[in-house]
mmCIF file of all heavy atoms, coordinates in Angstrom:
data_MODEL
# 
_entry.id   MODEL 
# 
loop_
_atom_site.group_PDB 
_atom_site.id 
_atom_site.type_symbol 
_atom_site.label_atom_id 
_atom_site.label_alt_id 
_atom_site.label_comp_id 
_atom_site.label_asym_id 
_atom_site.label_entity_id 
_atom_site.label_seq_id 
_atom_site.pdbx_PDB_ins_code 
_atom_site.Cartn_x 
_atom_site.Cartn_y 
_atom_site.Cartn_z 
_atom_site.occupancy 
_atom_site.B_iso_or_equiv 
_atom_site.pdbx_formal_charge 
_atom_site.auth_seq_id 
_atom_site.auth_comp_id 
_atom_site.auth_asym_id 
_atom_site.auth_atom_id 
_atom_site.pdbx_PDB_model_num 
ATOM 1   N N   . THR A 1 1  ? 0.919  -1.154  0.027  1.00 0.00 ? 1  THR A N   1 
ATOM 2   C CA  . THR A 1 1  ? -0.120 0.040   0.104  1.00 0.00 ? 1  THR A CA  1 
ATOM 3   C C   . THR A 1 1  ? 0.838  1.217   -0.023 1.00 0.00 ? 1  THR A C   1 
ATOM 4   O O   . THR A 1 1  ? 1.699  1.524   0.890  1.00 0.00 ? 1  THR A O   1 
ATOM 5   C CB  . THR A 1 1  ? -0.952 -0.014  1.119  1.00 0.00 ? 1  THR A CB  1 
ATOM 6   O OG1 . THR A 1 1  ? -1.704 -1.122  1.215  1.00 0.00 ? 1  THR A OG1 1 
ATOM 7   C CG2 . THR A 1 1  ? -1.819 1.278   1.134  1.00 0.00 ? 1  THR A CG2 1 
ATOM 8   N N   . PHE A 1 2  ? 0.557  2.115   -0.945 1.00 0.00 ? 2  PHE A N   1 
ATOM 9   C CA  . PHE A 1 2  ? 1.386  3.363   -1.028 1.00 0.00 ? 2  PHE A CA  1 
ATOM 10  C C   . PHE A 1 2  ? 0.499  4.561   -0.453 1.00 0.00 ? 2  PHE A C   1 
ATOM 11  O O   . PHE A 1 2  ? -0.710 4.625   -0.863 1.00 0.00 ? 2  PHE A O   1 
ATOM 12  C CB  . PHE A 1 2  ? 1.617  3.728   -2.564 1.00 0.00 ? 2  PHE A CB  1 
ATOM 13  C CG  . PHE A 1 2  ? 2.488  4.875   -2.981 1.00 0.00 ? 2  PHE A CG  1 
ATOM 14  C CD1 . PHE A 1 2  ? 3.202  5.494   -1.911 1.00 0.00 ? 2  PHE A CD1 1 
ATOM 15  C CD2 . PHE A 1 2  ? 2.593  5.250   -4.216 1.00 0.00 ? 2  PHE A CD2 1 
ATOM 16  C CE1 . PHE A 1 2  ? 3.961  6.550   -2.232 1.00 0.00 ? 2  PHE A CE1 1 
ATOM 17  C CE2 . PHE A 1 2  ? 3.344  6.388   -4.644 1.00 0.00 ? 2  PHE A CE2 1 
ATOM 18  C CZ  . PHE A 1 2  ? 3.969  6.997   -3.593 1.00 0.00 ? 2  PHE A CZ  1 
ATOM 19  N N   . SER A 1 3  ? 1.158  5.278   0.412  1.00 0.00 ? 3  SER A N   1 
ATOM 20  C CA  . SER A 1 3  ? 0.270  6.390   1.038  1.00 0.00 ? 3  SER A CA  1 
ATOM 21  C C   . SER A 1 3  ? 1.327  7.488   1.240  1.00 0.00 ? 3  SER A C   1 
ATOM 22  O O   . SER A 1 3  ? 2.547  7.463   1.068  1.00 0.00 ? 3  SER A O   1 
ATOM 23  C CB  . SER A 1 3  ? -0.231 5.911   2.320  1.00 0.00 ? 3  SER A CB  1 
ATOM 24  O OG  . SER A 1 3  ? 0.619  5.488   3.360  1.00 0.00 ? 3  SER A OG  1 
ATOM 25  N N   . ARG A 1 4  ? 0.729  8.639   1.573  1.00 0.00 ? 4  ARG A N   1 
ATOM 26  C CA  . ARG A 1 4  ? 1.523  9.816   1.774  1.00 0.00 ? 4  ARG A CA  1 
ATOM 27  C C   . ARG A 1 4  ? 0.980  10.754  2.899  1.00 0.00 ? 4  ARG A C   1 
ATOM 28  O O   . ARG A 1 4  ? -0.218 10.658  3.086  1.00 0.00 ? 4  ARG A O   1 
ATOM 29  C CB  . ARG A 1 4  ? 1.829  10.651  0.501  1.00 0.00 ? 4  ARG A CB  1 
ATOM 30  C CG  . ARG A 1 4  ? 0.708  11.435  -0.019 1.00 0.00 ? 4  ARG A CG  1 
ATOM 31  C CD  . ARG A 1 4  ? -0.373 10.507  -0.692 1.00 0.00 ? 4  ARG A CD  1 
ATOM 32  N NE  . ARG A 1 4  ? -1.114 11.295  -1.640 1.00 0.00 ? 4  ARG A NE  1 
ATOM 33  C CZ  . ARG A 1 4  ? -2.207 10.752  -2.115 1.00 0.00 ? 4  ARG A CZ  1 
ATOM 34  N NH1 . ARG A 1 4  ? -2.626 9.618   -1.915 1.00 0.00 ? 4  ARG A NH1 1 
ATOM 35  N NH2 . ARG A 1 4  ? -3.072 11.569  -2.969 1.00 0.00 ? 4  ARG A NH2 1 
ATOM 36  N N   . ASP A 1 5  ? 1.855  11.462  3.574  1.00 0.00 ? 5  ASP A N   1 
ATOM 37  C CA  . ASP A 1 5  ? 1.423  12.470  4.603  1.00 0.00 ? 5  ASP A CA  1 
ATOM 38  C C   . ASP A 1 5  ? 1.928  13.765  4.077  1.00 0.00 ? 5  ASP A C   1 
ATOM 39  O O   . ASP A 1 5  ? 3.117  14.091  4.086  1.00 0.00 ? 5  ASP A O   1 
ATOM 40  C CB  . ASP A 1 5  ? 2.054  11.976  5.883  1.00 0.00 ? 5  ASP A CB  1 
ATOM 41  C CG  . ASP A 1 5  ? 1.699  12.977  7.044  1.00 0.00 ? 5  ASP A CG  1 
ATOM 42  O OD1 . ASP A 1 5  ? 1.061  13.986  6.730  1.00 0.00 ? 5  ASP A OD1 1 
ATOM 43  O OD2 . ASP A 1 5  ? 1.890  12.666  8.172  1.00 0.00 ? 5  ASP A OD2 1 
ATOM 44  N N   . ASN A 1 6  ? 0.990  14.490  3.447  1.00 0.00 ? 6  ASN A N   1 
ATOM 45  C CA  . ASN A 1 6  ? 1.309  15.816  2.856  1.00 0.00 ? 6  ASN A CA  1 
ATOM 46  C C   . ASN A 1 6  ? 1.836  16.804  3.980  1.00 0.00 ? 6  ASN A C   1 
ATOM 47  O O   . ASN A 1 6  ? 2.776  17.611  3.674  1.00 0.00 ? 6  ASN A O   1 
ATOM 48  C CB  . ASN A 1 6  ? 0.201  16.319  2.200  1.00 0.00 ? 6  ASN A CB  1 
ATOM 49  C CG  . ASN A 1 6  ? -0.135 15.619  0.928  1.00 0.00 ? 6  ASN A CG  1 
ATOM 50  O OD1 . ASN A 1 6  ? 0.649  14.906  0.320  1.00 0.00 ? 6  ASN A OD1 1 
ATOM 51  N ND2 . ASN A 1 6  ? -1.401 15.858  0.436  1.00 0.00 ? 6  ASN A ND2 1 
ATOM 52  N N   . ALA A 1 7  ? 1.293  16.696  5.149  1.00 0.00 ? 7  ALA A N   1 
ATOM 53  C CA  . ALA A 1 7  ? 1.642  17.654  6.138  1.00 0.00 ? 7  ALA A CA  1 
ATOM 54  C C   . ALA A 1 7  ? 3.116  17.468  6.597  1.00 0.00 ? 7  ALA A C   1 
ATOM 55  O O   . ALA A 1 7  ? 3.775  18.503  7.032  1.00 0.00 ? 7  ALA A O   1 
ATOM 56  C CB  . ALA A 1 7  ? 0.776  17.523  7.326  1.00 0.00 ? 7  ALA A CB  1 
ATOM 57  N N   . ASN A 1 8  ? 3.620  16.296  6.538  1.00 0.00 ? 8  ASN A N   1 
ATOM 58  C CA  . ASN A 1 8  ? 4.964  16.047  6.923  1.00 0.00 ? 8  ASN A CA  1 
ATOM 59  C C   . ASN A 1 8  ? 5.943  15.692  5.733  1.00 0.00 ? 8  ASN A C   1 
ATOM 60  O O   . ASN A 1 8  ? 7.058  15.241  6.046  1.00 0.00 ? 8  ASN A O   1 
ATOM 61  C CB  . ASN A 1 8  ? 4.993  14.767  7.838  1.00 0.00 ? 8  ASN A CB  1 
ATOM 62  C CG  . ASN A 1 8  ? 4.391  15.108  9.268  1.00 0.00 ? 8  ASN A CG  1 
ATOM 63  O OD1 . ASN A 1 8  ? 4.815  16.028  10.040 1.00 0.00 ? 8  ASN A OD1 1 
ATOM 64  N ND2 . ASN A 1 8  ? 3.233  14.504  9.538  1.00 0.00 ? 8  ASN A ND2 1 
ATOM 65  N N   . ASN A 1 9  ? 5.549  15.855  4.474  1.00 0.00 ? 9  ASN A N   1 
ATOM 66  C CA  . ASN A 1 9  ? 6.282  15.650  3.355  1.00 0.00 ? 9  ASN A CA  1 
ATOM 67  C C   . ASN A 1 9  ? 6.897  14.340  3.250  1.00 0.00 ? 9  ASN A C   1 
ATOM 68  O O   . ASN A 1 9  ? 8.207  14.238  2.997  1.00 0.00 ? 9  ASN A O   1 
ATOM 69  C CB  . ASN A 1 9  ? 7.252  16.853  3.279  1.00 0.00 ? 9  ASN A CB  1 
ATOM 70  C CG  . ASN A 1 9  ? 6.665  18.197  3.142  1.00 0.00 ? 9  ASN A CG  1 
ATOM 71  O OD1 . ASN A 1 9  ? 5.615  18.401  2.549  1.00 0.00 ? 9  ASN A OD1 1 
ATOM 72  N ND2 . ASN A 1 9  ? 7.392  19.198  3.652  1.00 0.00 ? 9  ASN A ND2 1 
ATOM 73  N N   . THR A 1 10 ? 6.156  13.398  3.541  1.00 0.00 ? 10 THR A N   1 
ATOM 74  C CA  . THR A 1 10 ? 6.617  11.994  3.640  1.00 0.00 ? 10 THR A CA  1 
ATOM 75  C C   . THR A 1 10 ? 5.664  11.007  2.950  1.00 0.00 ? 10 THR A C   1 
ATOM 76  O O   . THR A 1 10 ? 4.468  11.132  3.026  1.00 0.00 ? 10 THR A O   1 
ATOM 77  C CB  . THR A 1 10 ? 6.798  11.490  5.136  1.00 0.00 ? 10 THR A CB  1 
ATOM 78  O OG1 . THR A 1 10 ? 7.618  12.396  5.778  1.00 0.00 ? 10 THR A OG1 1 
ATOM 79  C CG2 . THR A 1 10 ? 7.405  10.150  5.192  1.00 0.00 ? 10 THR A CG2 1 
ATOM 80  N N   . MET A 1 11 ? 6.298  10.082  2.160  1.00 0.00 ? 11 MET A N   1 
ATOM 81  C CA  . MET A 1 11 ? 5.378  9.059   1.585  1.00 0.00 ? 11 MET A CA  1 
ATOM 82  C C   . MET A 1 11 ? 5.983  7.603   2.063  1.00 0.00 ? 11 MET A C   1 
ATOM 83  O O   . MET A 1 11 ? 7.098  7.559   2.579  1.00 0.00 ? 11 MET A O   1 
ATOM 84  C CB  . MET A 1 11 ? 5.564  9.102   -0.025 1.00 0.00 ? 11 MET A CB  1 
ATOM 85  C CG  . MET A 1 11 ? 6.847  9.273   -0.563 1.00 0.00 ? 11 MET A CG  1 
ATOM 86  S SD  . MET A 1 11 ? 6.693  9.496   -2.344 1.00 0.00 ? 11 MET A SD  1 
ATOM 87  C CE  . MET A 1 11 ? 8.327  9.550   -2.908 1.00 0.00 ? 11 MET A CE  1 
ATOM 88  N N   . TYR A 1 12 ? 5.078  6.693   2.113  1.00 0.00 ? 12 TYR A N   1 
ATOM 89  C CA  . TYR A 1 12 ? 5.208  5.428   2.677  1.00 0.00 ? 12 TYR A CA  1 
ATOM 90  C C   . TYR A 1 12 ? 4.912  4.299   1.617  1.00 0.00 ? 12 TYR A C   1 
ATOM 91  O O   . TYR A 1 12 ? 4.064  4.420   0.814  1.00 0.00 ? 12 TYR A O   1 
ATOM 92  C CB  . TYR A 1 12 ? 4.301  5.247   3.907  1.00 0.00 ? 12 TYR A CB  1 
ATOM 93  C CG  . TYR A 1 12 ? 4.533  6.348   4.968  1.00 0.00 ? 12 TYR A CG  1 
ATOM 94  C CD1 . TYR A 1 12 ? 3.687  7.517   4.871  1.00 0.00 ? 12 TYR A CD1 1 
ATOM 95  C CD2 . TYR A 1 12 ? 5.478  6.248   5.824  1.00 0.00 ? 12 TYR A CD2 1 
ATOM 96  C CE1 . TYR A 1 12 ? 3.841  8.476   5.925  1.00 0.00 ? 12 TYR A CE1 1 
ATOM 97  C CE2 . TYR A 1 12 ? 5.691  7.219   6.867  1.00 0.00 ? 12 TYR A CE2 1 
ATOM 98  C CZ  . TYR A 1 12 ? 4.906  8.317   6.910  1.00 0.00 ? 12 TYR A CZ  1 
ATOM 99  O OH  . TYR A 1 12 ? 5.048  9.322   7.838  1.00 0.00 ? 12 TYR A OH  1 
ATOM 100 N N   . LEU A 1 13 ? 5.567  3.138   1.940  1.00 0.00 ? 13 LEU A N   1 
ATOM 101 C CA  . LEU A 1 13 ? 5.155  1.961   1.182  1.00 0.00 ? 13 LEU A CA  1 
ATOM 102 C C   . LEU A 1 13 ? 5.098  0.920   2.337  1.00 0.00 ? 13 LEU A C   1 
ATOM 103 O O   . LEU A 1 13 ? 6.034  0.407   2.912  1.00 0.00 ? 13 LEU A O   1 
ATOM 104 C CB  . LEU A 1 13 ? 6.267  1.601   0.248  1.00 0.00 ? 13 LEU A CB  1 
ATOM 105 C CG  . LEU A 1 13 ? 5.837  0.274   -0.643 1.00 0.00 ? 13 LEU A CG  1 
ATOM 106 C CD1 . LEU A 1 13 ? 4.769  0.486   -1.539 1.00 0.00 ? 13 LEU A CD1 1 
ATOM 107 C CD2 . LEU A 1 13 ? 7.076  -0.149  -1.398 1.00 0.00 ? 13 LEU A CD2 1 
ATOM 108 N N   . GLN A 1 14 ? 3.849  0.546   2.615  1.00 0.00 ? 14 GLN A N   1 
ATOM 109 C CA  . GLN A 1 14 ? 3.541  -0.515  3.576  1.00 0.00 ? 14 GLN A CA  1 
ATOM 110 C C   . GLN A 1 14 ? 3.530  -1.895  2.813  1.00 0.00 ? 14 GLN A C   1 
ATOM 111 O O   . GLN A 1 14 ? 2.847  -2.159  1.884  1.00 0.00 ? 14 GLN A O   1 
ATOM 112 C CB  . GLN A 1 14 ? 2.197  -0.339  4.197  1.00 0.00 ? 14 GLN A CB  1 
ATOM 113 C CG  . GLN A 1 14 ? 1.764  -1.463  5.192  1.00 0.00 ? 14 GLN A CG  1 
ATOM 114 C CD  . GLN A 1 14 ? 2.700  -1.508  6.367  1.00 0.00 ? 14 GLN A CD  1 
ATOM 115 O OE1 . GLN A 1 14 ? 2.916  -0.500  7.000  1.00 0.00 ? 14 GLN A OE1 1 
ATOM 116 N NE2 . GLN A 1 14 ? 3.146  -2.691  6.748  1.00 0.00 ? 14 GLN A NE2 1 
ATOM 117 N N   . MET A 1 15 ? 4.413  -2.844  3.269  1.00 0.00 ? 15 MET A N   1 
ATOM 118 C CA  . MET A 1 15 ? 4.693  -4.073  2.528  1.00 0.00 ? 15 MET A CA  1 
ATOM 119 C C   . MET A 1 15 ? 4.256  -5.178  3.420  1.00 0.00 ? 15 MET A C   1 
ATOM 120 O O   . MET A 1 15 ? 4.850  -5.362  4.517  1.00 0.00 ? 15 MET A O   1 
ATOM 121 C CB  . MET A 1 15 ? 6.039  -4.218  2.024  1.00 0.00 ? 15 MET A CB  1 
ATOM 122 C CG  . MET A 1 15 ? 6.602  -3.049  1.206  1.00 0.00 ? 15 MET A CG  1 
ATOM 123 S SD  . MET A 1 15 ? 8.197  -3.364  0.571  1.00 0.00 ? 15 MET A SD  1 
ATOM 124 C CE  . MET A 1 15 ? 9.239  -3.274  2.101  1.00 0.00 ? 15 MET A CE  1 
ATOM 125 N N   . ASN A 1 16 ? 3.267  -5.982  3.139  1.00 0.00 ? 16 ASN A N   1 
ATOM 126 C CA  . ASN A 1 16 ? 2.759  -7.029  3.888  1.00 0.00 ? 16 ASN A CA  1 
ATOM 127 C C   . ASN A 1 16 ? 2.981  -8.355  3.049  1.00 0.00 ? 16 ASN A C   1 
ATOM 128 O O   . ASN A 1 16 ? 3.119  -8.337  1.884  1.00 0.00 ? 16 ASN A O   1 
ATOM 129 C CB  . ASN A 1 16 ? 1.284  -6.884  4.189  1.00 0.00 ? 16 ASN A CB  1 
ATOM 130 C CG  . ASN A 1 16 ? 1.041  -5.695  5.175  1.00 0.00 ? 16 ASN A CG  1 
ATOM 131 O OD1 . ASN A 1 16 ? 1.851  -5.318  5.898  1.00 0.00 ? 16 ASN A OD1 1 
ATOM 132 N ND2 . ASN A 1 16 ? -0.186 -5.000  4.892  1.00 0.00 ? 16 ASN A ND2 1 
ATOM 133 N N   . SER A 1 17 ? 2.844  -9.435  3.720  1.00 0.00 ? 17 SER A N   1 
ATOM 134 C CA  . SER A 1 17 ? 3.054  -10.804 3.133  1.00 0.00 ? 17 SER A CA  1 
ATOM 135 C C   . SER A 1 17 ? 4.136  -10.823 2.232  1.00 0.00 ? 17 SER A C   1 
ATOM 136 O O   . SER A 1 17 ? 4.102  -11.300 1.020  1.00 0.00 ? 17 SER A O   1 
ATOM 137 C CB  . SER A 1 17 ? 1.737  -11.083 2.371  1.00 0.00 ? 17 SER A CB  1 
ATOM 138 O OG  . SER A 1 17 ? 0.628  -11.096 3.228  1.00 0.00 ? 17 SER A OG  1 
ATOM 139 N N   . LEU A 1 18 ? 5.287  -10.364 2.746  1.00 0.00 ? 18 LEU A N   1 
ATOM 140 C CA  . LEU A 1 18 ? 6.483  -10.305 1.942  1.00 0.00 ? 18 LEU A CA  1 
ATOM 141 C C   . LEU A 1 18 ? 6.977  -11.759 1.451  1.00 0.00 ? 18 LEU A C   1 
ATOM 142 O O   . LEU A 1 18 ? 6.859  -12.695 2.272  1.00 0.00 ? 18 LEU A O   1 
ATOM 143 C CB  . LEU A 1 18 ? 7.602  -9.670  2.715  1.00 0.00 ? 18 LEU A CB  1 
ATOM 144 C CG  . LEU A 1 18 ? 7.456  -8.146  2.762  1.00 0.00 ? 18 LEU A CG  1 
ATOM 145 C CD1 . LEU A 1 18 ? 8.352  -7.533  3.818  1.00 0.00 ? 18 LEU A CD1 1 
ATOM 146 C CD2 . LEU A 1 18 ? 7.765  -7.462  1.315  1.00 0.00 ? 18 LEU A CD2 1 
ATOM 147 N N   . LYS A 1 19 ? 7.533  -11.750 0.185  1.00 0.00 ? 19 LYS A N   1 
ATOM 148 C CA  . LYS A 1 19 ? 8.057  -12.941 -0.355 1.00 0.00 ? 19 LYS A CA  1 
ATOM 149 C C   . LYS A 1 19 ? 9.502  -12.804 -0.647 1.00 0.00 ? 19 LYS A C   1 
ATOM 150 O O   . LYS A 1 19 ? 9.956  -11.624 -0.803 1.00 0.00 ? 19 LYS A O   1 
ATOM 151 C CB  . LYS A 1 19 ? 7.293  -13.223 -1.689 1.00 0.00 ? 19 LYS A CB  1 
ATOM 152 C CG  . LYS A 1 19 ? 5.847  -13.399 -1.608 1.00 0.00 ? 19 LYS A CG  1 
ATOM 153 C CD  . LYS A 1 19 ? 5.095  -13.526 -2.949 1.00 0.00 ? 19 LYS A CD  1 
ATOM 154 C CE  . LYS A 1 19 ? 3.579  -13.516 -2.769 1.00 0.00 ? 19 LYS A CE  1 
ATOM 155 N NZ  . LYS A 1 19 ? 2.983  -13.638 -4.163 1.00 0.00 ? 19 LYS A NZ  1 
ATOM 156 N N   . PRO A 1 20 ? 10.290 -13.846 -0.697 1.00 0.00 ? 20 PRO A N   1 
ATOM 157 C CA  . PRO A 1 20 ? 11.696 -13.784 -1.111 1.00 0.00 ? 20 PRO A CA  1 
ATOM 158 C C   . PRO A 1 20 ? 11.872 -12.994 -2.451 1.00 0.00 ? 20 PRO A C   1 
ATOM 159 O O   . PRO A 1 20 ? 12.814 -12.311 -2.554 1.00 0.00 ? 20 PRO A O   1 
ATOM 160 C CB  . PRO A 1 20 ? 12.183 -15.234 -1.236 1.00 0.00 ? 20 PRO A CB  1 
ATOM 161 C CG  . PRO A 1 20 ? 11.168 -15.916 -0.332 1.00 0.00 ? 20 PRO A CG  1 
ATOM 162 C CD  . PRO A 1 20 ? 9.865  -15.232 -0.512 1.00 0.00 ? 20 PRO A CD  1 
ATOM 163 N N   . GLU A 1 21 ? 11.010 -13.042 -3.328 1.00 0.00 ? 21 GLU A N   1 
ATOM 164 C CA  . GLU A 1 21 ? 11.151 -12.409 -4.655 1.00 0.00 ? 21 GLU A CA  1 
ATOM 165 C C   . GLU A 1 21 ? 10.964 -10.849 -4.525 1.00 0.00 ? 21 GLU A C   1 
ATOM 166 O O   . GLU A 1 21 ? 11.135 -10.191 -5.553 1.00 0.00 ? 21 GLU A O   1 
ATOM 167 C CB  . GLU A 1 21 ? 10.199 -12.924 -5.682 1.00 0.00 ? 21 GLU A CB  1 
ATOM 168 C CG  . GLU A 1 21 ? 8.711  -13.061 -5.314 1.00 0.00 ? 21 GLU A CG  1 
ATOM 169 C CD  . GLU A 1 21 ? 8.329  -14.514 -4.767 1.00 0.00 ? 21 GLU A CD  1 
ATOM 170 O OE1 . GLU A 1 21 ? 9.193  -15.027 -4.064 1.00 0.00 ? 21 GLU A OE1 1 
ATOM 171 O OE2 . GLU A 1 21 ? 7.343  -15.058 -5.239 1.00 0.00 ? 21 GLU A OE2 1 
ATOM 172 N N   . ASP A 1 22 ? 10.598 -10.432 -3.376 1.00 0.00 ? 22 ASP A N   1 
ATOM 173 C CA  . ASP A 1 22 ? 10.495 -9.014  -3.088 1.00 0.00 ? 22 ASP A CA  1 
ATOM 174 C C   . ASP A 1 22 ? 11.750 -8.361  -2.605 1.00 0.00 ? 22 ASP A C   1 
ATOM 175 O O   . ASP A 1 22 ? 11.954 -7.108  -2.605 1.00 0.00 ? 22 ASP A O   1 
ATOM 176 C CB  . ASP A 1 22 ? 9.396  -8.678  -1.990 1.00 0.00 ? 22 ASP A CB  1 
ATOM 177 C CG  . ASP A 1 22 ? 7.995  -9.000  -2.352 1.00 0.00 ? 22 ASP A CG  1 
ATOM 178 O OD1 . ASP A 1 22 ? 7.526  -8.670  -3.507 1.00 0.00 ? 22 ASP A OD1 1 
ATOM 179 O OD2 . ASP A 1 22 ? 7.261  -9.510  -1.493 1.00 0.00 ? 22 ASP A OD2 1 
ATOM 180 N N   . THR A 1 23 ? 12.799 -9.168  -2.576 1.00 0.00 ? 23 THR A N   1 
ATOM 181 C CA  . THR A 1 23 ? 14.122 -8.790  -2.136 1.00 0.00 ? 23 THR A CA  1 
ATOM 182 C C   . THR A 1 23 ? 14.582 -7.866  -3.302 1.00 0.00 ? 23 THR A C   1 
ATOM 183 O O   . THR A 1 23 ? 14.699 -8.230  -4.482 1.00 0.00 ? 23 THR A O   1 
ATOM 184 C CB  . THR A 1 23 ? 15.092 -9.958  -2.003 1.00 0.00 ? 23 THR A CB  1 
ATOM 185 O OG1 . THR A 1 23 ? 14.596 -10.699 -0.826 1.00 0.00 ? 23 THR A OG1 1 
ATOM 186 C CG2 . THR A 1 23 ? 16.531 -9.433  -1.789 1.00 0.00 ? 23 THR A CG2 1 
ATOM 187 N N   . ALA A 1 24 ? 15.059 -6.614  -2.827 1.00 0.00 ? 24 ALA A N   1 
ATOM 188 C CA  . ALA A 1 24 ? 15.533 -5.545  -3.876 1.00 0.00 ? 24 ALA A CA  1 
ATOM 189 C C   . ALA A 1 24 ? 15.951 -4.382  -3.146 1.00 0.00 ? 24 ALA A C   1 
ATOM 190 O O   . ALA A 1 24 ? 15.662 -4.292  -1.893 1.00 0.00 ? 24 ALA A O   1 
ATOM 191 C CB  . ALA A 1 24 ? 14.363 -5.218  -4.817 1.00 0.00 ? 24 ALA A CB  1 
ATOM 192 N N   . VAL A 1 25 ? 16.530 -3.430  -3.776 1.00 0.00 ? 25 VAL A N   1 
ATOM 193 C CA  . VAL A 1 25 ? 16.748 -2.067  -3.315 1.00 0.00 ? 25 VAL A CA  1 
ATOM 194 C C   . VAL A 1 25 ? 15.600 -1.257  -3.748 1.00 0.00 ? 25 VAL A C   1 
ATOM 195 O O   . VAL A 1 25 ? 15.162 -1.276  -4.912 1.00 0.00 ? 25 VAL A O   1 
ATOM 196 C CB  . VAL A 1 25 ? 18.000 -1.440  -3.951 1.00 0.00 ? 25 VAL A CB  1 
ATOM 197 C CG1 . VAL A 1 25 ? 18.071 -0.051  -3.343 1.00 0.00 ? 25 VAL A CG1 1 
ATOM 198 C CG2 . VAL A 1 25 ? 19.237 -2.320  -3.450 1.00 0.00 ? 25 VAL A CG2 1 
ATOM 199 N N   . TYR A 1 26 ? 14.939 -0.555  -2.871 1.00 0.00 ? 26 TYR A N   1 
ATOM 200 C CA  . TYR A 1 26 ? 13.717 0.138   -2.983 1.00 0.00 ? 26 TYR A CA  1 
ATOM 201 C C   . TYR A 1 26 ? 13.982 1.610   -3.149 1.00 0.00 ? 26 TYR A C   1 
ATOM 202 O O   . TYR A 1 26 ? 14.762 2.146   -2.236 1.00 0.00 ? 26 TYR A O   1 
ATOM 203 C CB  . TYR A 1 26 ? 12.721 -0.145  -1.992 1.00 0.00 ? 26 TYR A CB  1 
ATOM 204 C CG  . TYR A 1 26 ? 11.936 -1.505  -2.207 1.00 0.00 ? 26 TYR A CG  1 
ATOM 205 C CD1 . TYR A 1 26 ? 12.566 -2.652  -1.899 1.00 0.00 ? 26 TYR A CD1 1 
ATOM 206 C CD2 . TYR A 1 26 ? 10.658 -1.553  -2.593 1.00 0.00 ? 26 TYR A CD2 1 
ATOM 207 C CE1 . TYR A 1 26 ? 11.996 -3.918  -2.126 1.00 0.00 ? 26 TYR A CE1 1 
ATOM 208 C CE2 . TYR A 1 26 ? 10.106 -2.804  -2.859 1.00 0.00 ? 26 TYR A CE2 1 
ATOM 209 C CZ  . TYR A 1 26 ? 10.717 -3.980  -2.600 1.00 0.00 ? 26 TYR A CZ  1 
ATOM 210 O OH  . TYR A 1 26 ? 10.075 -5.150  -2.793 1.00 0.00 ? 26 TYR A OH  1 
ATOM 211 N N   . TYR A 1 27 ? 13.510 2.368   -4.138 1.00 0.00 ? 27 TYR A N   1 
ATOM 212 C CA  . TYR A 1 27 ? 13.769 3.778   -4.393 1.00 0.00 ? 27 TYR A CA  1 
ATOM 213 C C   . TYR A 1 27 ? 12.387 4.475   -4.379 1.00 0.00 ? 27 TYR A C   1 
ATOM 214 O O   . TYR A 1 27 ? 11.482 4.017   -4.994 1.00 0.00 ? 27 TYR A O   1 
ATOM 215 C CB  . TYR A 1 27 ? 14.395 3.916   -5.618 1.00 0.00 ? 27 TYR A CB  1 
ATOM 216 C CG  . TYR A 1 27 ? 15.696 3.234   -5.815 1.00 0.00 ? 27 TYR A CG  1 
ATOM 217 C CD1 . TYR A 1 27 ? 15.841 1.902   -6.357 1.00 0.00 ? 27 TYR A CD1 1 
ATOM 218 C CD2 . TYR A 1 27 ? 16.910 3.895   -5.492 1.00 0.00 ? 27 TYR A CD2 1 
ATOM 219 C CE1 . TYR A 1 27 ? 17.024 1.272   -6.529 1.00 0.00 ? 27 TYR A CE1 1 
ATOM 220 C CE2 . TYR A 1 27 ? 18.189 3.236   -5.661 1.00 0.00 ? 27 TYR A CE2 1 
ATOM 221 C CZ  . TYR A 1 27 ? 18.235 1.962   -6.206 1.00 0.00 ? 27 TYR A CZ  1 
ATOM 222 O OH  . TYR A 1 27 ? 19.434 1.268   -6.358 1.00 0.00 ? 27 TYR A OH  1 
ATOM 223 N N   . CYS A 1 28 ? 12.414 5.725   -3.826 1.00 0.00 ? 28 CYS A N   1 
ATOM 224 C CA  . CYS A 1 28 ? 11.359 6.533   -3.904 1.00 0.00 ? 28 CYS A CA  1 
ATOM 225 C C   . CYS A 1 28 ? 11.592 7.629   -4.913 1.00 0.00 ? 28 CYS A C   1 
ATOM 226 O O   . CYS A 1 28 ? 12.765 7.986   -5.273 1.00 0.00 ? 28 CYS A O   1 
ATOM 227 C CB  . CYS A 1 28 ? 10.876 7.166   -2.592 1.00 0.00 ? 28 CYS A CB  1 
ATOM 228 S SG  . CYS A 1 28 ? 12.138 8.189   -1.802 1.00 0.00 ? 28 CYS A SG  1 
# 
């Protein structure tokens, strides 16, 4: 789930049910 907090100038990526194939470097 991708979300953001405009008041704090921050965005988030909530990652659930992670799998080994999700292994990576993540970039915003």
